[in-house]
Structures are given as C-alpha cells and as structure tokens.
Amino acid sequence: MFYPYLLLIHLLAAIAFIGTLFFELLIWPAVRRQVPAAALAGVDQALSVRSRKVLHGVVVLLYGAGIGLAWHHRLALAHPLGSTFASLLGLKIVLALSIIGHYLLLAFWLLSGRLSEGRALGIRRSILGHMVLIVILAKAMFYWH
C-alpha cells in the first residue's frame, strides 16, 4: 500500500511549506533590518527566486500526496457529516482549496498591477493561518472522536 509513503511525503511537504512561510513572515523581516541597504535588494531577490523554485515543487508534492490521501479516505468523504474524522478531513480540504484561491487572487493582483506589499503580506499571513489550522485539524482527526 502507498498510504504510508503518501502520508510521509504530505507531512514533509507541509513542513517545508509552513517553514518557508514562517521564515518569510516572522524571521526575515527582523533580519532584513540588520542587512545593509546595498545588499538588501540582491538578497531579497535571491531569496524570492529560490523560494519560488523550491515552493513550486513542494506544492505539487503537498497537493499531489493530499489528493492520494483523500482518495484513500473517499468512503469517509462520501458522508462528510457521518463522523468527526470525515468532518475534519472535509474542513481540511476546504482550507487547502482556499489556499489555492489565495494564490489565484495573488496571481490576478500581480498580473493586473494591483499587488501591493500590504496585499502580498496579507495573503501570506492568511495562508500561514490556514496552514496552521490544517495542521491542528490533521492532528485532531485522529484524536477527536
């Protein structure tokens, strides 16, 4: 059975995804105040390019494994209010789809020239909040009966 491998891939990808957002929102802003202005633009650009490259693969693994895990639990998902497990899993899926919606909105704002620093920061904060809730729900699925 592939389930344990999908679970491991999903877990590791979630750690990478959340860790990257955590770094971008809580660590880097404090560090960048200490970086000389002359170096800051180059460092910001390098981090942005590397982050995008890595996160694209991470997101593919995260959502791909998530789809495989959801397929494994398709009978529970057929009756989302039939058990606490199914309800929490369904809520996790809704939050994961909302994250995709966040990225679509981000892309729209970027392409239409309406992406400000404030909007980008708000989107990243919301995504991190969604991810933290998803992690809590993932743990709760197996403990709340």
C-alpha atoms as a PDB file:
ATOM      1  CA  MET A   1       0.000   0.000   0.000  1.00  0.00           C
ATOM      2  CA  PHE A   2       1.193   3.505  -0.857  1.00  0.00           C
ATOM      3  CA  TYR A   3      -0.594   5.199   2.042  1.00  0.00           C
ATOM      4  CA  PRO A   4       2.422   5.448   4.409  1.00  0.00           C
ATOM      5  CA  TYR A   5       4.558   6.930   1.618  1.00  0.00           C
ATOM      6  CA  LEU A   6       1.878   9.444   0.665  1.00  0.00           C
ATOM      7  CA  LEU A   7       1.498  10.383   4.314  1.00  0.00           C
ATOM      8  CA  LEU A   8       5.254  10.923   4.700  1.00  0.00           C
ATOM      9  CA  ILE A   9       5.501  12.989   1.501  1.00  0.00           C
ATOM     10  CA  HIS A  10       2.484  15.045   2.571  1.00  0.00           C
ATOM     11  CA  LEU A  11       3.932  15.645   6.038  1.00  0.00           C
ATOM     12  CA  LEU A  12       7.399  16.634   4.794  1.00  0.00           C
ATOM     13  CA  ALA A  13       5.978  18.924   2.113  1.00  0.00           C
ATOM     14  CA  ALA A  14       3.717  20.584   4.702  1.00  0.00           C
ATOM     15  CA  ILE A  15       6.721  21.155   6.971  1.00  0.00           C
ATOM     16  CA  ALA A  16       8.655  22.746   4.091  1.00  0.00           C
ATOM     17  CA  PHE A  17       5.696  24.905   3.037  1.00  0.00           C
ATOM     18  CA  ILE A  18       4.867  26.132   6.535  1.00  0.00           C
ATOM     19  CA  GLY A  19       8.534  26.589   7.395  1.00  0.00           C
ATOM     20  CA  THR A  20       9.068  28.787   4.358  1.00  0.00           C
ATOM     21  CA  LEU A  21       6.084  30.990   5.215  1.00  0.00           C
ATOM     22  CA  PHE A  22       7.178  31.121   8.856  1.00  0.00           C
ATOM     23  CA  PHE A  23      10.643  32.266   7.756  1.00  0.00           C
ATOM     24  CA  GLU A  24       9.233  34.860   5.338  1.00  0.00           C
ATOM     25  CA  LEU A  25       6.808  36.335   7.870  1.00  0.00           C
ATOM     26  CA  LEU A  26       8.480  36.012  11.261  1.00  0.00           C
ATOM     27  CA  ILE A  27      12.238  35.704  10.778  1.00  0.00           C
ATOM     28  CA  TRP A  28      13.259  37.513   7.589  1.00  0.00           C
ATOM     29  CA  PRO A  29      11.556  40.877   8.336  1.00  0.00           C
ATOM     30  CA  ALA A  30      13.559  41.217  11.571  1.00  0.00           C
ATOM     31  CA  VAL A  31      16.800  40.107   9.917  1.00  0.00           C
ATOM     32  CA  ARG A  32      16.434  42.380   6.886  1.00  0.00           C
ATOM     33  CA  ARG A  33      16.518  45.447   9.174  1.00  0.00           C
ATOM     34  CA  GLN A  34      20.093  44.444  10.034  1.00  0.00           C
ATOM     35  CA  VAL A  35      21.232  43.888   6.427  1.00  0.00           C
ATOM     36  CA  PRO A  36      22.963  46.863   4.778  1.00  0.00           C
ATOM     37  CA  ALA A  37      20.744  48.605   2.214  1.00  0.00           C
ATOM     38  CA  ALA A  38      23.275  47.988  -0.558  1.00  0.00           C
ATOM     39  CA  ALA A  39      22.994  44.226  -0.113  1.00  0.00           C
ATOM     40  CA  LEU A  40      19.292  44.067   0.700  1.00  0.00           C
ATOM     41  CA  ALA A  41      17.909  44.225  -2.845  1.00  0.00           C
ATOM     42  CA  GLY A  42      20.170  41.407  -4.003  1.00  0.00           C
ATOM     43  CA  VAL A  43      19.401  39.243  -1.000  1.00  0.00           C
ATOM     44  CA  ASP A  44      15.645  39.854  -1.303  1.00  0.00           C
ATOM     45  CA  GLN A  45      15.763  38.957  -4.997  1.00  0.00           C
ATOM     46  CA  ALA A  46      17.834  35.803  -4.423  1.00  0.00           C
ATOM     47  CA  LEU A  47      15.520  34.629  -1.625  1.00  0.00           C
ATOM     48  CA  SER A  48      12.459  35.316  -3.748  1.00  0.00           C
ATOM     49  CA  VAL A  49      13.777  33.390  -6.758  1.00  0.00           C
ATOM     50  CA  ARG A  50      14.938  30.424  -4.685  1.00  0.00           C
ATOM     51  CA  SER A  51      11.749  30.342  -2.630  1.00  0.00           C
ATOM     52  CA  ARG A  52       9.558  30.287  -5.741  1.00  0.00           C
ATOM     53  CA  LYS A  53      11.592  27.478  -7.335  1.00  0.00           C
ATOM     54  CA  VAL A  54      11.506  25.308  -4.235  1.00  0.00           C
ATOM     55  CA  LEU A  55       7.896  26.026  -3.305  1.00  0.00           C
ATOM     56  CA  HIS A  56       6.526  25.096  -6.724  1.00  0.00           C
ATOM     57  CA  GLY A  57       7.837  21.554  -6.284  1.00  0.00           C
ATOM     58  CA  VAL A  58       6.797  21.445  -2.638  1.00  0.00           C
ATOM     59  CA  VAL A  59       3.240  22.500  -3.510  1.00  0.00           C
ATOM     60  CA  VAL A  60       2.994  19.844  -6.230  1.00  0.00           C
ATOM     61  CA  LEU A  61       4.111  17.185  -3.738  1.00  0.00           C
ATOM     62  CA  LEU A  62       1.866  18.538  -0.975  1.00  0.00           C
ATOM     63  CA  TYR A  63      -1.299  18.667  -3.050  1.00  0.00           C
ATOM     64  CA  GLY A  64      -0.485  15.518  -5.042  1.00  0.00           C
ATOM     65  CA  ALA A  65       0.008  13.479  -1.878  1.00  0.00           C
ATOM     66  CA  GLY A  66      -3.050  15.165  -0.357  1.00  0.00           C
ATOM     67  CA  ILE A  67      -5.192  14.045  -3.284  1.00  0.00           C
ATOM     68  CA  GLY A  68      -3.885  10.495  -2.870  1.00  0.00           C
ATOM     69  CA  LEU A  69      -4.660  10.562   0.852  1.00  0.00           C
ATOM     70  CA  ALA A  70      -8.139  11.958   0.206  1.00  0.00           C
ATOM     71  CA  TRP A  71      -8.740   9.169  -2.306  1.00  0.00           C
ATOM     72  CA  HIS A  72      -7.788   6.649   0.365  1.00  0.00           C
ATOM     73  CA  HIS A  73     -10.472   8.156   2.625  1.00  0.00           C
ATOM     74  CA  ARG A  74     -13.064   8.630  -0.129  1.00  0.00           C
ATOM     75  CA  LEU A  75     -15.655   6.493   1.668  1.00  0.00           C
ATOM     76  CA  ALA A  76     -15.496   8.759   4.715  1.00  0.00           C
ATOM     77  CA  LEU A  77     -15.618  11.833   2.480  1.00  0.00           C
ATOM     78  CA  ALA A  78     -18.765  10.493   0.812  1.00  0.00           C
ATOM     79  CA  HIS A  79     -20.507  11.189   4.146  1.00  0.00           C
ATOM     80  CA  PRO A  80     -18.721  14.290   5.463  1.00  0.00           C
ATOM     81  CA  LEU A  81     -21.046  14.679   8.438  1.00  0.00           C
ATOM     82  CA  GLY A  82     -21.039  10.965   9.222  1.00  0.00           C
ATOM     83  CA  SER A  83     -18.104  11.142  11.610  1.00  0.00           C
ATOM     84  CA  THR A  84     -15.818  13.633  13.282  1.00  0.00           C
ATOM     85  CA  PHE A  85     -12.952  12.286  11.173  1.00  0.00           C
ATOM     86  CA  ALA A  86     -14.819  12.919   7.914  1.00  0.00           C
ATOM     87  CA  SER A  87     -15.962  16.380   9.007  1.00  0.00           C
ATOM     88  CA  LEU A  88     -12.454  17.451   9.993  1.00  0.00           C
ATOM     89  CA  LEU A  89     -10.979  15.981   6.806  1.00  0.00           C
ATOM     90  CA  GLY A  90     -13.576  17.824   4.752  1.00  0.00           C
ATOM     91  CA  LEU A  91     -12.727  21.064   6.546  1.00  0.00           C
ATOM     92  CA  LYS A  92      -9.018  20.459   5.863  1.00  0.00           C
ATOM     93  CA  ILE A  93      -9.805  20.072   2.176  1.00  0.00           C
ATOM     94  CA  VAL A  94     -11.866  23.284   2.140  1.00  0.00           C
ATOM     95  CA  LEU A  95      -8.971  25.167   3.760  1.00  0.00           C
ATOM     96  CA  ALA A  96      -6.500  23.652   1.263  1.00  0.00           C
ATOM     97  CA  LEU A  97      -8.727  24.752  -1.625  1.00  0.00           C
ATOM     98  CA  SER A  98      -8.937  28.208  -0.060  1.00  0.00           C
ATOM     99  CA  ILE A  99      -5.133  28.397  -0.160  1.00  0.00           C
ATOM    100  CA  ILE A 100      -5.282  27.721  -3.897  1.00  0.00           C
ATOM    101  CA  GLY A 101      -7.824  30.541  -4.115  1.00  0.00           C
ATOM    102  CA  HIS A 102      -5.410  32.820  -2.267  1.00  0.00           C
ATOM    103  CA  TYR A 103      -2.684  32.088  -4.817  1.00  0.00           C
ATOM    104  CA  LEU A 104      -5.086  32.681  -7.712  1.00  0.00           C
ATOM    105  CA  LEU A 105      -6.007  36.052  -6.201  1.00  0.00           C
ATOM    106  CA  LEU A 106      -2.311  36.828  -5.735  1.00  0.00           C
ATOM    107  CA  ALA A 107      -1.643  35.984  -9.395  1.00  0.00           C
ATOM    108  CA  PHE A 108      -4.590  38.144 -10.505  1.00  0.00           C
ATOM    109  CA  TRP A 109      -3.345  41.114  -8.490  1.00  0.00           C
ATOM    110  CA  LEU A 110       0.174  40.590  -9.826  1.00  0.00           C
ATOM    111  CA  LEU A 111      -0.935  40.420 -13.465  1.00  0.00           C
ATOM    112  CA  SER A 112      -3.284  43.393 -13.131  1.00  0.00           C
ATOM    113  CA  GLY A 113      -0.623  45.524 -11.437  1.00  0.00           C
ATOM    114  CA  ARG A 114      -2.597  45.793  -8.197  1.00  0.00           C
ATOM    115  CA  LEU A 115      -0.327  43.725  -5.962  1.00  0.00           C
ATOM    116  CA  SER A 116       0.948  45.984  -3.209  1.00  0.00           C
ATOM    117  CA  GLU A 117       3.320  44.991  -0.425  1.00  0.00           C
ATOM    118  CA  GLY A 118       0.416  45.177   2.008  1.00  0.00           C
ATOM    119  CA  ARG A 119      -1.750  42.852  -0.072  1.00  0.00           C
ATOM    120  CA  ALA A 120       1.097  40.364  -0.539  1.00  0.00           C
ATOM    121  CA  LEU A 121       1.773  40.398   3.203  1.00  0.00           C
ATOM    122  CA  GLY A 122      -1.917  39.925   3.995  1.00  0.00           C
ATOM    123  CA  ILE A 123      -2.173  36.964   1.620  1.00  0.00           C
ATOM    124  CA  ARG A 124       0.935  35.312   3.100  1.00  0.00           C
ATOM    125  CA  ARG A 125      -0.378  35.823   6.641  1.00  0.00           C
ATOM    126  CA  SER A 126      -3.742  34.344   5.717  1.00  0.00           C
ATOM    127  CA  ILE A 127      -2.110  31.341   4.037  1.00  0.00           C
ATOM    128  CA  LEU A 128       0.070  30.713   7.095  1.00  0.00           C
ATOM    129  CA  GLY A 129      -3.027  30.901   9.294  1.00  0.00           C
ATOM    130  CA  HIS A 130      -4.825  28.436   7.032  1.00  0.00           C
ATOM    131  CA  MET A 131      -1.841  26.072   7.184  1.00  0.00           C
ATOM    132  CA  VAL A 132      -1.673  26.214  10.979  1.00  0.00           C
ATOM    133  CA  LEU A 133      -5.395  25.383  11.152  1.00  0.00           C
ATOM    134  CA  ILE A 134      -4.866  22.498   8.721  1.00  0.00           C
ATOM    135  CA  VAL A 135      -2.099  21.081  10.938  1.00  0.00           C
ATOM    136  CA  ILE A 136      -4.334  21.334  14.005  1.00  0.00           C
ATOM    137  CA  LEU A 137      -7.178  19.617  12.138  1.00  0.00           C
ATOM    138  CA  ALA A 138      -4.802  16.898  10.910  1.00  0.00           C
ATOM    139  CA  LYS A 139      -3.872  16.049  14.480  1.00  0.00           C
ATOM    140  CA  ALA A 140      -7.465  16.357  15.694  1.00  0.00           C
ATOM    141  CA  MET A 141      -8.773  13.947  13.040  1.00  0.00           C
ATOM    142  CA  PHE A 142      -7.187  11.040  14.855  1.00  0.00           C
ATOM    143  CA  TYR A 143      -7.897  12.153  18.433  1.00  0.00           C
ATOM    144  CA  TRP A 144     -11.350  13.755  18.492  1.00  0.00           C
ATOM    145  CA  HIS A 145     -13.983  11.064  18.344  1.00  0.00           C
END
